[in-house]
Amino acid sequence: MRKGGFVYVDIKKPLYDNFVYIRYDKYIKQAIERGAQLKIWTPQGIGIHDPKEWMKTGKKMEKIFKRPDEPMILFGNRVSIIKPKTQEEFIKELAESGTFG
């Protein structure tokens, strides 16, 4: 099994600010098994989080939807948005790494 990569989570509407709940069985468990990170897309931007850290620092919630005997387990946390680099920052980083010679 290939380790690494991302498990993508698309959030259309966060609860408040950038606080979102993510399903354990569908996203978090899958990311842990694959050794992947959670890549969370929100209207405010994109955040990358470690699934184990998400569970450790998050709020656990059991919510009943269609099956009363099988509550859905969710973990909520605040998504830290990654600021995209500008073209100038990207070129400067390449120059400092010695890419241009």
N, C-alpha and C. Protein backbone atom coordinates (compact mmCIF):
# COMPACT_ATOMS: atom_id res chain seq x y z
N MET A 1 0.85 -1.19 0.00
CA MET A 1 0.00 0.00 0.00
C MET A 1 0.89 1.25 0.00
N ARG A 2 0.56 2.19 -0.83
CA ARG A 2 1.32 3.42 -0.94
C ARG A 2 1.01 4.35 0.23
N LYS A 3 2.04 4.86 0.87
CA LYS A 3 1.86 5.77 2.00
C LYS A 3 1.96 7.21 1.53
N GLY A 4 1.28 8.09 2.23
CA GLY A 4 1.37 9.52 1.92
C GLY A 4 0.21 9.99 1.07
N GLY A 5 0.31 11.21 0.59
CA GLY A 5 -0.74 11.79 -0.22
C GLY A 5 -1.77 12.49 0.63
N PHE A 6 -2.95 12.64 0.04
CA PHE A 6 -4.03 13.37 0.69
C PHE A 6 -5.34 12.63 0.60
N VAL A 7 -6.19 12.87 1.59
CA VAL A 7 -7.61 12.50 1.54
C VAL A 7 -8.32 13.85 1.46
N TYR A 8 -9.08 14.04 0.39
CA TYR A 8 -9.71 15.33 0.12
C TYR A 8 -11.09 15.43 0.78
N VAL A 9 -11.31 16.55 1.45
CA VAL A 9 -12.57 16.82 2.13
C VAL A 9 -13.08 18.17 1.61
N ASP A 10 -14.25 18.17 1.02
CA ASP A 10 -14.83 19.40 0.48
C ASP A 10 -15.96 19.88 1.39
N ILE A 11 -15.76 21.03 2.01
CA ILE A 11 -16.76 21.61 2.92
C ILE A 11 -17.41 22.80 2.23
N LYS A 12 -18.69 22.71 1.99
CA LYS A 12 -19.41 23.80 1.32
C LYS A 12 -19.73 24.96 2.27
N LYS A 13 -20.09 24.59 3.53
CA LYS A 13 -20.52 25.62 4.47
C LYS A 13 -20.03 25.28 5.88
N PRO A 14 -18.94 25.94 6.34
CA PRO A 14 -18.47 25.70 7.71
C PRO A 14 -19.51 26.14 8.73
N LEU A 15 -19.43 25.61 9.95
CA LEU A 15 -20.37 25.99 11.00
C LEU A 15 -20.25 27.48 11.32
N TYR A 16 -19.06 27.91 11.68
CA TYR A 16 -18.78 29.32 11.91
C TYR A 16 -17.31 29.54 11.64
N ASP A 17 -16.97 30.69 11.14
CA ASP A 17 -15.60 31.02 10.74
C ASP A 17 -15.06 29.87 9.90
N ASN A 18 -14.04 29.17 10.35
CA ASN A 18 -13.50 28.02 9.64
C ASN A 18 -13.62 26.74 10.46
N PHE A 19 -14.60 26.66 11.33
CA PHE A 19 -14.81 25.47 12.17
C PHE A 19 -15.68 24.49 11.41
N VAL A 20 -15.16 23.27 11.23
CA VAL A 20 -15.91 22.25 10.48
C VAL A 20 -15.86 20.92 11.23
N TYR A 21 -16.86 20.10 10.99
CA TYR A 21 -16.89 18.73 11.47
C TYR A 21 -16.62 17.80 10.30
N ILE A 22 -15.77 16.77 10.53
CA ILE A 22 -15.43 15.81 9.50
C ILE A 22 -15.78 14.41 9.99
N ARG A 23 -16.36 13.61 9.09
CA ARG A 23 -16.73 12.24 9.43
C ARG A 23 -15.51 11.38 9.69
N TYR A 24 -15.58 10.63 10.79
CA TYR A 24 -14.47 9.76 11.17
C TYR A 24 -14.32 8.61 10.17
N ASP A 25 -15.41 7.87 9.93
CA ASP A 25 -15.32 6.66 9.12
C ASP A 25 -14.99 6.92 7.65
N LYS A 26 -15.45 8.03 7.13
CA LYS A 26 -15.27 8.29 5.70
C LYS A 26 -13.94 8.97 5.38
N TYR A 27 -13.48 9.88 6.22
CA TYR A 27 -12.28 10.66 5.90
C TYR A 27 -11.11 10.41 6.84
N ILE A 28 -11.33 10.56 8.14
CA ILE A 28 -10.23 10.50 9.10
C ILE A 28 -9.64 9.10 9.17
N LYS A 29 -10.47 8.09 9.30
CA LYS A 29 -10.01 6.71 9.38
C LYS A 29 -9.26 6.32 8.10
N GLN A 30 -9.77 6.72 6.96
CA GLN A 30 -9.14 6.44 5.67
C GLN A 30 -7.76 7.10 5.59
N ALA A 31 -7.64 8.34 6.04
CA ALA A 31 -6.36 9.05 6.00
C ALA A 31 -5.33 8.38 6.92
N ILE A 32 -5.76 7.95 8.10
CA ILE A 32 -4.86 7.28 9.03
C ILE A 32 -4.36 5.97 8.44
N GLU A 33 -5.26 5.19 7.85
CA GLU A 33 -4.89 3.90 7.27
C GLU A 33 -3.92 4.07 6.10
N ARG A 34 -4.08 5.12 5.32
CA ARG A 34 -3.22 5.36 4.15
C ARG A 34 -1.95 6.12 4.50
N GLY A 35 -1.86 6.64 5.72
CA GLY A 35 -0.71 7.46 6.10
C GLY A 35 -0.74 8.80 5.37
N ALA A 36 -1.94 9.30 5.13
CA ALA A 36 -2.13 10.52 4.35
C ALA A 36 -2.53 11.69 5.25
N GLN A 37 -2.51 12.87 4.67
CA GLN A 37 -2.96 14.09 5.34
C GLN A 37 -4.39 14.40 4.87
N LEU A 38 -5.11 15.19 5.67
CA LEU A 38 -6.42 15.68 5.27
C LEU A 38 -6.23 17.00 4.53
N LYS A 39 -6.71 17.08 3.31
CA LYS A 39 -6.68 18.34 2.56
C LYS A 39 -8.12 18.84 2.53
N ILE A 40 -8.38 19.91 3.29
CA ILE A 40 -9.74 20.39 3.51
C ILE A 40 -9.98 21.65 2.70
N TRP A 41 -10.95 21.59 1.82
CA TRP A 41 -11.33 22.74 0.97
C TRP A 41 -12.54 23.41 1.60
N THR A 42 -12.42 24.70 1.91
CA THR A 42 -13.54 25.49 2.43
C THR A 42 -13.71 26.71 1.53
N PRO A 43 -14.80 27.44 1.65
CA PRO A 43 -14.95 28.67 0.86
C PRO A 43 -13.86 29.71 1.15
N GLN A 44 -13.27 29.67 2.35
CA GLN A 44 -12.23 30.64 2.72
C GLN A 44 -10.84 30.25 2.21
N GLY A 45 -10.65 28.99 1.83
CA GLY A 45 -9.35 28.53 1.35
C GLY A 45 -9.13 27.06 1.65
N ILE A 46 -7.87 26.65 1.53
CA ILE A 46 -7.49 25.24 1.69
C ILE A 46 -6.61 25.08 2.92
N GLY A 47 -6.84 24.01 3.66
CA GLY A 47 -6.01 23.69 4.82
C GLY A 47 -5.56 22.24 4.78
N ILE A 48 -4.35 21.98 5.27
CA ILE A 48 -3.82 20.62 5.33
C ILE A 48 -3.57 20.27 6.79
N HIS A 49 -4.13 19.13 7.23
CA HIS A 49 -4.03 18.74 8.63
C HIS A 49 -3.71 17.26 8.77
N ASP A 50 -3.03 16.92 9.86
CA ASP A 50 -2.75 15.54 10.21
C ASP A 50 -4.02 14.95 10.81
N PRO A 51 -4.50 13.79 10.35
CA PRO A 51 -5.76 13.24 10.87
C PRO A 51 -5.70 12.87 12.36
N LYS A 52 -4.54 12.38 12.83
CA LYS A 52 -4.43 12.03 14.25
C LYS A 52 -4.49 13.28 15.12
N GLU A 53 -3.85 14.34 14.67
CA GLU A 53 -3.86 15.61 15.40
C GLU A 53 -5.27 16.22 15.37
N TRP A 54 -5.98 16.05 14.25
CA TRP A 54 -7.35 16.56 14.11
C TRP A 54 -8.25 15.92 15.18
N MET A 55 -8.09 14.61 15.36
CA MET A 55 -8.89 13.90 16.36
C MET A 55 -8.48 14.30 17.78
N LYS A 56 -7.17 14.43 18.00
CA LYS A 56 -6.65 14.72 19.33
C LYS A 56 -7.10 16.10 19.83
N THR A 57 -7.08 17.09 18.96
CA THR A 57 -7.41 18.46 19.37
C THR A 57 -8.86 18.84 19.07
N GLY A 58 -9.58 17.99 18.37
CA GLY A 58 -10.94 18.32 17.96
C GLY A 58 -12.01 17.96 18.96
N LYS A 59 -13.22 18.40 18.65
CA LYS A 59 -14.40 18.08 19.46
C LYS A 59 -15.12 16.90 18.83
N LYS A 60 -15.35 15.86 19.63
CA LYS A 60 -16.05 14.68 19.13
C LYS A 60 -17.55 14.88 19.27
N MET A 61 -18.27 14.45 18.23
CA MET A 61 -19.73 14.56 18.26
C MET A 61 -20.32 13.31 17.62
N GLU A 62 -21.34 12.76 18.25
CA GLU A 62 -22.08 11.65 17.66
C GLU A 62 -23.43 12.19 17.23
N LYS A 63 -23.72 12.04 15.95
CA LYS A 63 -24.95 12.61 15.39
C LYS A 63 -25.77 11.49 14.76
N ILE A 64 -27.06 11.50 15.03
CA ILE A 64 -27.95 10.50 14.46
C ILE A 64 -28.61 11.10 13.23
N PHE A 65 -28.47 10.41 12.10
CA PHE A 65 -29.10 10.87 10.87
C PHE A 65 -30.22 9.92 10.49
N LYS A 66 -29.95 8.90 9.70
CA LYS A 66 -31.01 8.00 9.24
C LYS A 66 -31.18 6.76 10.10
N ARG A 67 -30.09 6.27 10.70
CA ARG A 67 -30.15 5.05 11.49
C ARG A 67 -29.96 5.36 12.97
N PRO A 68 -31.01 5.29 13.76
CA PRO A 68 -30.91 5.62 15.19
C PRO A 68 -29.94 4.73 15.97
N ASP A 69 -29.75 3.48 15.52
CA ASP A 69 -28.87 2.57 16.24
C ASP A 69 -27.40 2.71 15.81
N GLU A 70 -27.11 3.52 14.77
CA GLU A 70 -25.75 3.73 14.28
C GLU A 70 -25.45 5.23 14.17
N PRO A 71 -25.09 5.86 15.27
CA PRO A 71 -24.79 7.30 15.17
C PRO A 71 -23.49 7.54 14.39
N MET A 72 -23.45 8.63 13.65
CA MET A 72 -22.28 9.00 12.88
C MET A 72 -21.31 9.73 13.81
N ILE A 73 -20.03 9.34 13.76
CA ILE A 73 -19.02 9.98 14.60
C ILE A 73 -18.32 11.06 13.78
N LEU A 74 -18.29 12.26 14.34
CA LEU A 74 -17.67 13.41 13.68
C LEU A 74 -16.66 14.05 14.62
N PHE A 75 -15.62 14.62 14.04
CA PHE A 75 -14.65 15.39 14.82
C PHE A 75 -14.59 16.79 14.24
N GLY A 76 -14.77 17.80 15.11
CA GLY A 76 -14.77 19.18 14.66
C GLY A 76 -13.51 19.91 15.10
N ASN A 77 -13.05 20.80 14.23
CA ASN A 77 -11.86 21.57 14.51
C ASN A 77 -11.84 22.78 13.58
N ARG A 78 -10.92 23.68 13.86
CA ARG A 78 -10.77 24.87 13.01
C ARG A 78 -9.75 24.57 11.93
N VAL A 79 -10.08 24.90 10.69
CA VAL A 79 -9.18 24.69 9.55
C VAL A 79 -8.22 25.87 9.45
N SER A 80 -6.93 25.57 9.48
CA SER A 80 -5.91 26.60 9.29
C SER A 80 -5.66 26.75 7.79
N ILE A 81 -5.96 27.92 7.27
CA ILE A 81 -5.87 28.17 5.83
C ILE A 81 -4.41 28.42 5.43
N ILE A 82 -4.01 27.80 4.32
CA ILE A 82 -2.68 28.00 3.77
C ILE A 82 -2.74 29.19 2.83
N LYS A 83 -1.85 30.17 3.07
CA LYS A 83 -1.80 31.34 2.21
C LYS A 83 -0.99 30.99 0.96
N PRO A 84 -1.59 31.13 -0.24
CA PRO A 84 -0.84 30.81 -1.45
C PRO A 84 0.31 31.78 -1.67
N LYS A 85 1.40 31.26 -2.24
CA LYS A 85 2.56 32.11 -2.50
C LYS A 85 2.32 32.97 -3.72
N THR A 86 2.85 34.19 -3.68
CA THR A 86 2.78 35.04 -4.85
C THR A 86 3.89 34.60 -5.81
N GLN A 87 3.81 35.07 -7.03
CA GLN A 87 4.81 34.70 -8.02
C GLN A 87 6.20 35.18 -7.58
N GLU A 88 6.27 36.37 -7.00
CA GLU A 88 7.55 36.91 -6.53
C GLU A 88 8.15 36.04 -5.42
N GLU A 89 7.32 35.59 -4.47
CA GLU A 89 7.80 34.73 -3.39
C GLU A 89 8.30 33.40 -3.95
N PHE A 90 7.59 32.87 -4.94
CA PHE A 90 7.97 31.60 -5.55
C PHE A 90 9.32 31.71 -6.26
N ILE A 91 9.52 32.78 -7.03
CA ILE A 91 10.78 32.99 -7.75
C ILE A 91 11.93 33.19 -6.76
N LYS A 92 11.68 33.95 -5.71
CA LYS A 92 12.72 34.18 -4.70
C LYS A 92 13.12 32.86 -4.03
N GLU A 93 12.14 32.02 -3.73
CA GLU A 93 12.41 30.72 -3.12
C GLU A 93 13.23 29.83 -4.05
N LEU A 94 12.92 29.85 -5.34
CA LEU A 94 13.68 29.07 -6.31
C LEU A 94 15.11 29.58 -6.40
N ALA A 95 15.28 30.90 -6.41
CA ALA A 95 16.61 31.49 -6.50
C ALA A 95 17.46 31.13 -5.29
N GLU A 96 16.87 31.17 -4.10
CA GLU A 96 17.58 30.84 -2.87
C GLU A 96 17.96 29.36 -2.79
N SER A 97 17.18 28.51 -3.43
CA SER A 97 17.48 27.07 -3.39
C SER A 97 18.55 26.68 -4.41
N GLY A 98 18.94 27.63 -5.27
CA GLY A 98 19.99 27.34 -6.26
C GLY A 98 19.46 26.77 -7.55
N THR A 99 18.17 26.86 -7.79
CA THR A 99 17.58 26.33 -9.01
C THR A 99 18.05 27.08 -10.25
N PHE A 100 18.31 28.36 -10.11
CA PHE A 100 18.71 29.18 -11.26
C PHE A 100 20.22 29.20 -11.49
N GLY A 101 20.95 28.44 -10.75
CA GLY A 101 22.40 28.39 -10.98
C GLY A 101 23.18 29.03 -9.98
